[in-house]
Amino acid sequence: MQFLCYFFAVSLLFLCCFFDDFFPVFLLIRIYFSLLFTSYIKI
């Protein structure tokens, strides 16, 4: 389950890098996942 979540998040981050110019909303998703990863690392 954790592997699926990790894979999904990484694929989303790659999508953000590719489609940032077309979909600025992905910037919010990138910030959300970065916060999610930092909180996950602290735990």
PDB file of N, CA and C in Angstrom:
ATOM      1  N   MET A   1       0.839  -1.201   0.000  1.00  0.00           N
ATOM      2  CA  MET A   1       0.000   0.000   0.000  1.00  0.00           C
ATOM      3  C   MET A   1       0.875   1.252   0.000  1.00  0.00           C
ATOM      4  N   GLN A   2       1.910   1.263   0.836  1.00  0.00           N
ATOM      5  CA  GLN A   2       2.798   2.424   0.882  1.00  0.00           C
ATOM      6  C   GLN A   2       3.532   2.594  -0.442  1.00  0.00           C
ATOM      7  N   PHE A   3       3.882   1.469  -1.081  1.00  0.00           N
ATOM      8  CA  PHE A   3       4.579   1.536  -2.360  1.00  0.00           C
ATOM      9  C   PHE A   3       3.690   2.177  -3.423  1.00  0.00           C
ATOM     10  N   LEU A   4       2.401   1.823  -3.415  1.00  0.00           N
ATOM     11  CA  LEU A   4       1.466   2.403  -4.384  1.00  0.00           C
ATOM     12  C   LEU A   4       1.335   3.904  -4.167  1.00  0.00           C
ATOM     13  N   CYS A   5       1.224   4.325  -2.922  1.00  0.00           N
ATOM     14  CA  CYS A   5       1.124   5.756  -2.615  1.00  0.00           C
ATOM     15  C   CYS A   5       2.383   6.485  -3.052  1.00  0.00           C
ATOM     16  N   TYR A   6       3.527   5.881  -2.796  1.00  0.00           N
ATOM     17  CA  TYR A   6       4.809   6.486  -3.172  1.00  0.00           C
ATOM     18  C   TYR A   6       4.919   6.595  -4.691  1.00  0.00           C
ATOM     19  N   PHE A   7       4.568   5.533  -5.385  1.00  0.00           N
ATOM     20  CA  PHE A   7       4.634   5.528  -6.848  1.00  0.00           C
ATOM     21  C   PHE A   7       3.689   6.559  -7.436  1.00  0.00           C
ATOM     22  N   PHE A   8       2.488   6.667  -6.880  1.00  0.00           N
ATOM     23  CA  PHE A   8       1.507   7.633  -7.351  1.00  0.00           C
ATOM     24  C   PHE A   8       2.001   9.054  -7.143  1.00  0.00           C
ATOM     25  N   ALA A   9       2.596   9.309  -5.984  1.00  0.00           N
ATOM     26  CA  ALA A   9       3.102  10.648  -5.684  1.00  0.00           C
ATOM     27  C   ALA A   9       4.263  11.009  -6.615  1.00  0.00           C
ATOM     28  N   VAL A  10       5.163  10.065  -6.855  1.00  0.00           N
ATOM     29  CA  VAL A  10       6.305  10.328  -7.732  1.00  0.00           C
ATOM     30  C   VAL A  10       5.840  10.590  -9.160  1.00  0.00           C
ATOM     31  N   SER A  11       4.866   9.806  -9.622  1.00  0.00           N
ATOM     32  CA  SER A  11       4.349  10.023 -10.975  1.00  0.00           C
ATOM     33  C   SER A  11       3.674  11.394 -11.068  1.00  0.00           C
ATOM     34  N   LEU A  12       2.983  11.800 -10.004  1.00  0.00           N
ATOM     35  CA  LEU A  12       2.369  13.128  -9.988  1.00  0.00           C
ATOM     36  C   LEU A  12       3.428  14.214 -10.048  1.00  0.00           C
ATOM     37  N   LEU A  13       4.525  14.031  -9.315  1.00  0.00           N
ATOM     38  CA  LEU A  13       5.592  15.026  -9.328  1.00  0.00           C
ATOM     39  C   LEU A  13       6.197  15.141 -10.729  1.00  0.00           C
ATOM     40  N   PHE A  14       6.369  14.001 -11.413  1.00  0.00           N
ATOM     41  CA  PHE A  14       6.898  14.041 -12.780  1.00  0.00           C
ATOM     42  C   PHE A  14       5.917  14.753 -13.703  1.00  0.00           C
ATOM     43  N   LEU A  15       4.616  14.496 -13.505  1.00  0.00           N
ATOM     44  CA  LEU A  15       3.605  15.181 -14.311  1.00  0.00           C
ATOM     45  C   LEU A  15       3.656  16.679 -14.060  1.00  0.00           C
ATOM     46  N   CYS A  16       3.880  17.063 -12.816  1.00  0.00           N
ATOM     47  CA  CYS A  16       3.980  18.482 -12.474  1.00  0.00           C
ATOM     48  C   CYS A  16       5.139  19.123 -13.232  1.00  0.00           C
ATOM     49  N   CYS A  17       6.258  18.426 -13.286  1.00  0.00           N
ATOM     50  CA  CYS A  17       7.434  18.982 -13.969  1.00  0.00           C
ATOM     51  C   CYS A  17       7.158  19.172 -15.447  1.00  0.00           C
ATOM     52  N   PHE A  18       6.413  18.236 -16.043  1.00  0.00           N
ATOM     53  CA  PHE A  18       6.198  18.295 -17.484  1.00  0.00           C
ATOM     54  C   PHE A  18       5.098  19.278 -17.865  1.00  0.00           C
ATOM     55  N   PHE A  19       4.039  19.347 -17.064  1.00  0.00           N
ATOM     56  CA  PHE A  19       2.869  20.128 -17.459  1.00  0.00           C
ATOM     57  C   PHE A  19       2.691  21.394 -16.629  1.00  0.00           C
ATOM     58  N   ASP A  20       3.789  21.849 -16.013  1.00  0.00           N
ATOM     59  CA  ASP A  20       3.685  23.028 -15.151  1.00  0.00           C
ATOM     60  C   ASP A  20       3.238  24.258 -15.933  1.00  0.00           C
ATOM     61  N   ASP A  21       3.721  24.384 -17.162  1.00  0.00           N
ATOM     62  CA  ASP A  21       3.389  25.566 -17.955  1.00  0.00           C
ATOM     63  C   ASP A  21       1.921  25.565 -18.367  1.00  0.00           C
ATOM     64  N   PHE A  22       1.356  24.372 -18.545  1.00  0.00           N
ATOM     65  CA  PHE A  22      -0.009  24.280 -19.035  1.00  0.00           C
ATOM     66  C   PHE A  22      -1.032  24.257 -17.908  1.00  0.00           C
ATOM     67  N   PHE A  23      -0.657  23.644 -16.803  1.00  0.00           N
ATOM     68  CA  PHE A  23      -1.595  23.535 -15.687  1.00  0.00           C
ATOM     69  C   PHE A  23      -0.950  24.066 -14.402  1.00  0.00           C
ATOM     70  N   PRO A  24      -1.104  25.348 -14.098  1.00  0.00           N
ATOM     71  CA  PRO A  24      -0.516  25.931 -12.882  1.00  0.00           C
ATOM     72  C   PRO A  24      -1.064  25.301 -11.598  1.00  0.00           C
ATOM     73  N   VAL A  25      -2.206  24.628 -11.707  1.00  0.00           N
ATOM     74  CA  VAL A  25      -2.790  24.002 -10.520  1.00  0.00           C
ATOM     75  C   VAL A  25      -1.863  22.932  -9.953  1.00  0.00           C
ATOM     76  N   PHE A  26      -1.049  22.332 -10.832  1.00  0.00           N
ATOM     77  CA  PHE A  26      -0.125  21.289 -10.379  1.00  0.00           C
ATOM     78  C   PHE A  26       0.879  21.830  -9.367  1.00  0.00           C
ATOM     79  N   LEU A  27       1.110  23.151  -9.404  1.00  0.00           N
ATOM     80  CA  LEU A  27       2.026  23.742  -8.435  1.00  0.00           C
ATOM     81  C   LEU A  27       1.500  23.533  -7.020  1.00  0.00           C
ATOM     82  N   LEU A  28       0.190  23.693  -6.841  1.00  0.00           N
ATOM     83  CA  LEU A  28      -0.408  23.456  -5.527  1.00  0.00           C
ATOM     84  C   LEU A  28      -0.269  21.993  -5.126  1.00  0.00           C
ATOM     85  N   ILE A  29      -0.439  21.090  -6.096  1.00  0.00           N
ATOM     86  CA  ILE A  29      -0.304  19.664  -5.797  1.00  0.00           C
ATOM     87  C   ILE A  29       1.130  19.348  -5.394  1.00  0.00           C
ATOM     88  N   ARG A  30       2.085  19.998  -6.077  1.00  0.00           N
ATOM     89  CA  ARG A  30       3.492  19.764  -5.739  1.00  0.00           C
ATOM     90  C   ARG A  30       3.789  20.238  -4.321  1.00  0.00           C
ATOM     91  N   ILE A  31       3.267  21.408  -3.947  1.00  0.00           N
ATOM     92  CA  ILE A  31       3.476  21.922  -2.591  1.00  0.00           C
ATOM     93  C   ILE A  31       2.837  20.977  -1.567  1.00  0.00           C
ATOM     94  N   TYR A  32       1.631  20.487  -1.887  1.00  0.00           N
ATOM     95  CA  TYR A  32       0.931  19.590  -0.975  1.00  0.00           C
ATOM     96  C   TYR A  32       1.734  18.315  -0.745  1.00  0.00           C
ATOM     97  N   PHE A  33       2.271  17.735  -1.837  1.00  0.00           N
ATOM     98  CA  PHE A  33       3.019  16.495  -1.688  1.00  0.00           C
ATOM     99  C   PHE A  33       4.354  16.715  -1.007  1.00  0.00           C
ATOM    100  N   SER A  34       4.960  17.894  -1.225  1.00  0.00           N
ATOM    101  CA  SER A  34       6.222  18.176  -0.538  1.00  0.00           C
ATOM    102  C   SER A  34       5.986  18.265   0.973  1.00  0.00           C
ATOM    103  N   LEU A  35       4.884  18.916   1.369  1.00  0.00           N
ATOM    104  CA  LEU A  35       4.538  18.970   2.784  1.00  0.00           C
ATOM    105  C   LEU A  35       4.225  17.572   3.311  1.00  0.00           C
ATOM    106  N   LEU A  36       3.549  16.786   2.485  1.00  0.00           N
ATOM    107  CA  LEU A  36       3.194  15.427   2.890  1.00  0.00           C
ATOM    108  C   LEU A  36       4.445  14.589   3.126  1.00  0.00           C
ATOM    109  N   PHE A  37       5.436  14.711   2.207  1.00  0.00           N
ATOM    110  CA  PHE A  37       6.661  13.944   2.346  1.00  0.00           C
ATOM    111  C   PHE A  37       7.464  14.398   3.559  1.00  0.00           C
ATOM    112  N   THR A  38       7.534  15.700   3.803  1.00  0.00           N
ATOM    113  CA  THR A  38       8.302  16.187   4.951  1.00  0.00           C
ATOM    114  C   THR A  38       7.669  15.704   6.251  1.00  0.00           C
ATOM    115  N   SER A  39       6.340  15.741   6.319  1.00  0.00           N
ATOM    116  CA  SER A  39       5.678  15.261   7.535  1.00  0.00           C
ATOM    117  C   SER A  39       5.859  13.744   7.676  1.00  0.00           C
ATOM    118  N   TYR A  40       5.879  13.037   6.536  1.00  0.00           N
ATOM    119  CA  TYR A  40       6.066  11.584   6.572  1.00  0.00           C
ATOM    120  C   TYR A  40       7.474  11.229   7.031  1.00  0.00           C
ATOM    121  N   ILE A  41       8.453  12.018   6.615  1.00  0.00           N
ATOM    122  CA  ILE A  41       9.833  11.761   7.023  1.00  0.00           C
ATOM    123  C   ILE A  41       9.994  12.018   8.529  1.00  0.00           C
ATOM    124  N   LYS A  42       9.333  13.049   9.043  1.00  0.00           N
ATOM    125  CA  LYS A  42       9.432  13.348  10.475  1.00  0.00           C
ATOM    126  C   LYS A  42       8.871  12.199  11.307  1.00  0.00           C
ATOM    127  N   ILE A  43       7.827  11.562  10.820  1.00  0.00           N
ATOM    128  CA  ILE A  43       7.235  10.439  11.542  1.00  0.00           C
ATOM    129  C   ILE A  43       8.174   9.233  11.437  1.00  0.00           C
TER     130      ILE A  43
END
